[in-house]
Amino acid sequence: MARVESYAEDAEKQFGKFRGNAVVNLAQELRNTQGVSYDAVMSMAIHLTDADHLKLKLRARTLA
């Protein structure tokens, strides 16, 4: 959906190799079924251990 062709080409060069990756597929599914988009995807990404296993990072909380 890029309006600037050179931007689309640069994005494809940088990120095209991840097309079909599990985390990309998950993001697409969440957008299509739940309306998740924009910064919500990146906010979710910081809670994952890595893109290959899609496991949630769990942190122990200490109550003071």
PDB file of N, CA and C in Angstrom:
ATOM      1  N   MET A   1       0.807  -1.181   0.000  1.00  0.00           N
ATOM      2  CA  MET A   1       0.000   0.000   0.000  1.00  0.00           C
ATOM      3  C   MET A   1       0.863   1.264   0.000  1.00  0.00           C
ATOM      4  N   ALA A   2       2.136   1.114  -0.218  1.00  0.00           N
ATOM      5  CA  ALA A   2       3.022   2.281  -0.197  1.00  0.00           C
ATOM      6  C   ALA A   2       2.738   3.194  -1.382  1.00  0.00           C
ATOM      7  N   ARG A   3       2.746   4.475  -1.105  1.00  0.00           N
ATOM      8  CA  ARG A   3       2.506   5.455  -2.165  1.00  0.00           C
ATOM      9  C   ARG A   3       3.796   5.865  -2.858  1.00  0.00           C
ATOM     10  N   VAL A   4       4.921   5.593  -2.203  1.00  0.00           N
ATOM     11  CA  VAL A   4       6.217   5.940  -2.779  1.00  0.00           C
ATOM     12  C   VAL A   4       6.908   4.630  -3.161  1.00  0.00           C
ATOM     13  N   GLU A   5       7.094   4.435  -4.450  1.00  0.00           N
ATOM     14  CA  GLU A   5       7.616   3.167  -4.945  1.00  0.00           C
ATOM     15  C   GLU A   5       8.979   2.825  -4.354  1.00  0.00           C
ATOM     16  N   SER A   6       9.856   3.820  -4.225  1.00  0.00           N
ATOM     17  CA  SER A   6      11.191   3.539  -3.684  1.00  0.00           C
ATOM     18  C   SER A   6      11.109   3.070  -2.230  1.00  0.00           C
ATOM     19  N   TYR A   7      10.152   3.588  -1.468  1.00  0.00           N
ATOM     20  CA  TYR A   7       9.954   3.147  -0.088  1.00  0.00           C
ATOM     21  C   TYR A   7       9.521   1.684  -0.062  1.00  0.00           C
ATOM     22  N   ALA A   8       8.582   1.335  -0.928  1.00  0.00           N
ATOM     23  CA  ALA A   8       8.102  -0.044  -1.008  1.00  0.00           C
ATOM     24  C   ALA A   8       9.229  -0.990  -1.401  1.00  0.00           C
ATOM     25  N   GLU A   9      10.060  -0.574  -2.323  1.00  0.00           N
ATOM     26  CA  GLU A   9      11.186  -1.406  -2.747  1.00  0.00           C
ATOM     27  C   GLU A   9      12.182  -1.608  -1.604  1.00  0.00           C
ATOM     28  N   ASP A  10      12.494  -0.524  -0.882  1.00  0.00           N
ATOM     29  CA  ASP A  10      13.416  -0.625   0.249  1.00  0.00           C
ATOM     30  C   ASP A  10      12.855  -1.522   1.354  1.00  0.00           C
ATOM     31  N   ALA A  11      11.566  -1.382   1.638  1.00  0.00           N
ATOM     32  CA  ALA A  11      10.932  -2.219   2.660  1.00  0.00           C
ATOM     33  C   ALA A  11      10.961  -3.685   2.249  1.00  0.00           C
ATOM     34  N   GLU A  12      10.723  -3.949   0.987  1.00  0.00           N
ATOM     35  CA  GLU A  12      10.760  -5.325   0.491  1.00  0.00           C
ATOM     36  C   GLU A  12      12.168  -5.913   0.610  1.00  0.00           C
ATOM     37  N   LYS A  13      13.178  -5.131   0.268  1.00  0.00           N
ATOM     38  CA  LYS A  13      14.568  -5.599   0.391  1.00  0.00           C
ATOM     39  C   LYS A  13      14.906  -5.935   1.834  1.00  0.00           C
ATOM     40  N   GLN A  14      14.466  -5.099   2.750  1.00  0.00           N
ATOM     41  CA  GLN A  14      14.816  -5.268   4.163  1.00  0.00           C
ATOM     42  C   GLN A  14      14.003  -6.371   4.832  1.00  0.00           C
ATOM     43  N   PHE A  15      12.707  -6.424   4.549  1.00  0.00           N
ATOM     44  CA  PHE A  15      11.821  -7.307   5.302  1.00  0.00           C
ATOM     45  C   PHE A  15      11.190  -8.431   4.494  1.00  0.00           C
ATOM     46  N   GLY A  16      11.361  -8.443   3.185  1.00  0.00           N
ATOM     47  CA  GLY A  16      10.736  -9.448   2.342  1.00  0.00           C
ATOM     48  C   GLY A  16      11.105 -10.871   2.707  1.00  0.00           C
ATOM     49  N   LYS A  17      12.317 -11.061   3.215  1.00  0.00           N
ATOM     50  CA  LYS A  17      12.767 -12.413   3.567  1.00  0.00           C
ATOM     51  C   LYS A  17      11.964 -12.998   4.729  1.00  0.00           C
ATOM     52  N   PHE A  18      11.232 -12.152   5.454  1.00  0.00           N
ATOM     53  CA  PHE A  18      10.433 -12.633   6.575  1.00  0.00           C
ATOM     54  C   PHE A  18       8.996 -12.976   6.188  1.00  0.00           C
ATOM     55  N   ARG A  19       8.657 -12.759   4.924  1.00  0.00           N
ATOM     56  CA  ARG A  19       7.315 -13.098   4.461  1.00  0.00           C
ATOM     57  C   ARG A  19       7.102 -14.599   4.697  1.00  0.00           C
ATOM     58  N   GLY A  20       6.019 -14.946   5.323  1.00  0.00           N
ATOM     59  CA  GLY A  20       5.744 -16.352   5.617  1.00  0.00           C
ATOM     60  C   GLY A  20       6.266 -16.801   6.975  1.00  0.00           C
ATOM     61  N   ASN A  21       7.017 -15.947   7.687  1.00  0.00           N
ATOM     62  CA  ASN A  21       7.502 -16.273   9.016  1.00  0.00           C
ATOM     63  C   ASN A  21       6.308 -16.373   9.962  1.00  0.00           C
ATOM     64  N   ALA A  22       6.412 -17.217  10.974  1.00  0.00           N
ATOM     65  CA  ALA A  22       5.301 -17.452  11.896  1.00  0.00           C
ATOM     66  C   ALA A  22       4.822 -16.169  12.559  1.00  0.00           C
ATOM     67  N   VAL A  23       5.739 -15.311  12.956  1.00  0.00           N
ATOM     68  CA  VAL A  23       5.328 -14.077  13.638  1.00  0.00           C
ATOM     69  C   VAL A  23       4.633 -13.113  12.673  1.00  0.00           C
ATOM     70  N   VAL A  24       5.054 -13.095  11.429  1.00  0.00           N
ATOM     71  CA  VAL A  24       4.393 -12.251  10.424  1.00  0.00           C
ATOM     72  C   VAL A  24       2.995 -12.787  10.150  1.00  0.00           C
ATOM     73  N   ASN A  25       2.884 -14.094  10.042  1.00  0.00           N
ATOM     74  CA  ASN A  25       1.568 -14.703   9.833  1.00  0.00           C
ATOM     75  C   ASN A  25       0.632 -14.418  11.000  1.00  0.00           C
ATOM     76  N   LEU A  26       1.162 -14.483  12.226  1.00  0.00           N
ATOM     77  CA  LEU A  26       0.359 -14.188  13.400  1.00  0.00           C
ATOM     78  C   LEU A  26      -0.125 -12.738  13.376  1.00  0.00           C
ATOM     79  N   ALA A  27       0.760 -11.811  13.047  1.00  0.00           N
ATOM     80  CA  ALA A  27       0.380 -10.400  12.979  1.00  0.00           C
ATOM     81  C   ALA A  27      -0.707 -10.182  11.927  1.00  0.00           C
ATOM     82  N   GLN A  28      -0.579 -10.844  10.782  1.00  0.00           N
ATOM     83  CA  GLN A  28      -1.593 -10.712   9.734  1.00  0.00           C
ATOM     84  C   GLN A  28      -2.936 -11.286  10.189  1.00  0.00           C
ATOM     85  N   GLU A  29      -2.870 -12.426  10.864  1.00  0.00           N
ATOM     86  CA  GLU A  29      -4.102 -13.048  11.352  1.00  0.00           C
ATOM     87  C   GLU A  29      -4.790 -12.149  12.390  1.00  0.00           C
ATOM     88  N   LEU A  30      -4.007 -11.576  13.302  1.00  0.00           N
ATOM     89  CA  LEU A  30      -4.583 -10.696  14.317  1.00  0.00           C
ATOM     90  C   LEU A  30      -5.180  -9.436  13.698  1.00  0.00           C
ATOM     91  N   ARG A  31      -4.537  -8.938  12.653  1.00  0.00           N
ATOM     92  CA  ARG A  31      -5.101  -7.763  11.979  1.00  0.00           C
ATOM     93  C   ARG A  31      -6.427  -8.115  11.306  1.00  0.00           C
ATOM     94  N   ASN A  32      -6.444  -9.247  10.616  1.00  0.00           N
ATOM     95  CA  ASN A  32      -7.641  -9.640   9.874  1.00  0.00           C
ATOM     96  C   ASN A  32      -8.801 -10.053  10.764  1.00  0.00           C
ATOM     97  N   THR A  33      -8.512 -10.678  11.906  1.00  0.00           N
ATOM     98  CA  THR A  33      -9.595 -11.203  12.737  1.00  0.00           C
ATOM     99  C   THR A  33      -9.931 -10.336  13.947  1.00  0.00           C
ATOM    100  N   GLN A  34      -8.947  -9.555  14.433  1.00  0.00           N
ATOM    101  CA  GLN A  34      -9.156  -8.789  15.653  1.00  0.00           C
ATOM    102  C   GLN A  34      -8.952  -7.286  15.480  1.00  0.00           C
ATOM    103  N   GLY A  35      -8.548  -6.867  14.289  1.00  0.00           N
ATOM    104  CA  GLY A  35      -8.325  -5.454  14.050  1.00  0.00           C
ATOM    105  C   GLY A  35      -7.052  -4.906  14.676  1.00  0.00           C
ATOM    106  N   VAL A  36      -6.122  -5.791  15.047  1.00  0.00           N
ATOM    107  CA  VAL A  36      -4.865  -5.372  15.663  1.00  0.00           C
ATOM    108  C   VAL A  36      -3.967  -4.782  14.580  1.00  0.00           C
ATOM    109  N   SER A  37      -3.519  -3.539  14.786  1.00  0.00           N
ATOM    110  CA  SER A  37      -2.659  -2.905  13.784  1.00  0.00           C
ATOM    111  C   SER A  37      -1.861  -1.774  14.419  1.00  0.00           C
ATOM    112  N   TYR A  38      -1.156  -1.052  13.602  1.00  0.00           N
ATOM    113  CA  TYR A  38      -0.341   0.091  14.003  1.00  0.00           C
ATOM    114  C   TYR A  38       0.634  -0.305  15.114  1.00  0.00           C
ATOM    115  N   ASP A  39       0.666   0.440  16.210  1.00  0.00           N
ATOM    116  CA  ASP A  39       1.660   0.185  17.247  1.00  0.00           C
ATOM    117  C   ASP A  39       1.345  -1.038  18.102  1.00  0.00           C
ATOM    118  N   ALA A  40       0.136  -1.582  18.010  1.00  0.00           N
ATOM    119  CA  ALA A  40      -0.219  -2.748  18.815  1.00  0.00           C
ATOM    120  C   ALA A  40       0.647  -3.954  18.471  1.00  0.00           C
ATOM    121  N   VAL A  41       1.013  -4.086  17.221  1.00  0.00           N
ATOM    122  CA  VAL A  41       1.843  -5.217  16.801  1.00  0.00           C
ATOM    123  C   VAL A  41       3.221  -5.119  17.443  1.00  0.00           C
ATOM    124  N   MET A  42       3.830  -3.938  17.431  1.00  0.00           N
ATOM    125  CA  MET A  42       5.144  -3.778  18.039  1.00  0.00           C
ATOM    126  C   MET A  42       5.066  -3.880  19.561  1.00  0.00           C
ATOM    127  N   SER A  43       3.976  -3.415  20.137  1.00  0.00           N
ATOM    128  CA  SER A  43       3.801  -3.555  21.578  1.00  0.00           C
ATOM    129  C   SER A  43       3.730  -5.026  21.960  1.00  0.00           C
ATOM    130  N   MET A  44       3.104  -5.831  21.131  1.00  0.00           N
ATOM    131  CA  MET A  44       3.039  -7.267  21.378  1.00  0.00           C
ATOM    132  C   MET A  44       4.420  -7.900  21.194  1.00  0.00           C
ATOM    133  N   ALA A  45       5.160  -7.454  20.216  1.00  0.00           N
ATOM    134  CA  ALA A  45       6.453  -8.069  19.893  1.00  0.00           C
ATOM    135  C   ALA A  45       7.428  -8.021  21.059  1.00  0.00           C
ATOM    136  N   ILE A  46       7.412  -6.972  21.835  1.00  0.00           N
ATOM    137  CA  ILE A  46       8.369  -6.880  22.935  1.00  0.00           C
ATOM    138  C   ILE A  46       8.069  -7.866  24.057  1.00  0.00           C
ATOM    139  N   HIS A  47       6.910  -8.513  24.000  1.00  0.00           N
ATOM    140  CA  HIS A  47       6.541  -9.490  25.015  1.00  0.00           C
ATOM    141  C   HIS A  47       6.840 -10.926  24.587  1.00  0.00           C
ATOM    142  N   LEU A  48       7.451 -11.097  23.410  1.00  0.00           N
ATOM    143  CA  LEU A  48       7.781 -12.430  22.911  1.00  0.00           C
ATOM    144  C   LEU A  48       9.261 -12.713  23.108  1.00  0.00           C
ATOM    145  N   THR A  49       9.594 -13.989  23.324  1.00  0.00           N
ATOM    146  CA  THR A  49      10.996 -14.357  23.500  1.00  0.00           C
ATOM    147  C   THR A  49      11.764 -14.212  22.195  1.00  0.00           C
ATOM    148  N   ASP A  50      11.161 -14.661  21.101  1.00  0.00           N
ATOM    149  CA  ASP A  50      11.788 -14.549  19.792  1.00  0.00           C
ATOM    150  C   ASP A  50      10.762 -14.826  18.707  1.00  0.00           C
ATOM    151  N   ALA A  51      11.131 -14.549  17.486  1.00  0.00           N
ATOM    152  CA  ALA A  51      10.194 -14.687  16.369  1.00  0.00           C
ATOM    153  C   ALA A  51       9.990 -16.131  15.944  1.00  0.00           C
ATOM    154  N   ASP A  52      10.881 -17.020  16.344  1.00  0.00           N
ATOM    155  CA  ASP A  52      10.756 -18.411  15.919  1.00  0.00           C
ATOM    156  C   ASP A  52       9.802 -19.225  16.781  1.00  0.00           C
ATOM    157  N   HIS A  53       9.758 -18.943  18.078  1.00  0.00           N
ATOM    158  CA  HIS A  53       8.963 -19.765  18.979  1.00  0.00           C
ATOM    159  C   HIS A  53       7.697 -19.083  19.501  1.00  0.00           C
ATOM    160  N   LEU A  54       7.635 -17.775  19.384  1.00  0.00           N
ATOM    161  CA  LEU A  54       6.453 -16.994  19.784  1.00  0.00           C
ATOM    162  C   LEU A  54       6.009 -17.262  21.214  1.00  0.00           C
ATOM    163  N   LYS A  55       6.972 -17.503  22.101  1.00  0.00           N
ATOM    164  CA  LYS A  55       6.655 -17.712  23.513  1.00  0.00           C
ATOM    165  C   LYS A  55       6.659 -16.370  24.229  1.00  0.00           C
ATOM    166  N   LEU A  56       5.768 -16.245  25.204  1.00  0.00           N
ATOM    167  CA  LEU A  56       5.700 -15.012  25.975  1.00  0.00           C
ATOM    168  C   LEU A  56       6.836 -14.946  26.986  1.00  0.00           C
ATOM    169  N   LYS A  57       7.395 -13.753  27.135  1.00  0.00           N
ATOM    170  CA  LYS A  57       8.364 -13.519  28.201  1.00  0.00           C
ATOM    171  C   LYS A  57       7.569 -13.393  29.489  1.00  0.00           C
ATOM    172  N   LEU A  58       8.008 -14.066  30.487  1.00  0.00           N
ATOM    173  CA  LEU A  58       7.347 -13.963  31.780  1.00  0.00           C
ATOM    174  C   LEU A  58       8.327 -13.362  32.771  1.00  0.00           C
ATOM    175  N   ARG A  59       7.888 -12.372  33.477  1.00  0.00           N
ATOM    176  CA  ARG A  59       8.723 -11.742  34.477  1.00  0.00           C
ATOM    177  C   ARG A  59       8.092 -11.930  35.833  1.00  0.00           C
ATOM    178  N   ALA A  60       8.911 -12.260  36.790  1.00  0.00           N
ATOM    179  CA  ALA A  60       8.421 -12.367  38.162  1.00  0.00           C
ATOM    180  C   ALA A  60       8.219 -10.954  38.706  1.00  0.00           C
ATOM    181  N   ARG A  61       7.074 -10.721  39.268  1.00  0.00           N
ATOM    182  CA  ARG A  61       6.793  -9.419  39.861  1.00  0.00           C
ATOM    183  C   ARG A  61       7.034  -9.482  41.351  1.00  0.00           C
ATOM    184  N   THR A  62       7.683  -8.496  41.837  1.00  0.00           N
ATOM    185  CA  THR A  62       7.948  -8.412  43.266  1.00  0.00           C
ATOM    186  C   THR A  62       7.045  -7.346  43.854  1.00  0.00           C
ATOM    187  N   LEU A  63       6.304  -7.746  44.836  1.00  0.00           N
ATOM    188  CA  LEU A  63       5.430  -6.792  45.501  1.00  0.00           C
ATOM    189  C   LEU A  63       6.211  -6.131  46.630  1.00  0.00           C
ATOM    190  N   ALA A  64       6.184  -4.829  46.663  1.00  0.00           N
ATOM    191  CA  ALA A  64       6.917  -4.116  47.716  1.00  0.00           C
ATOM    192  C   ALA A  64       5.997  -3.701  48.827  1.00  0.00           C
TER     193      ALA A  64
END
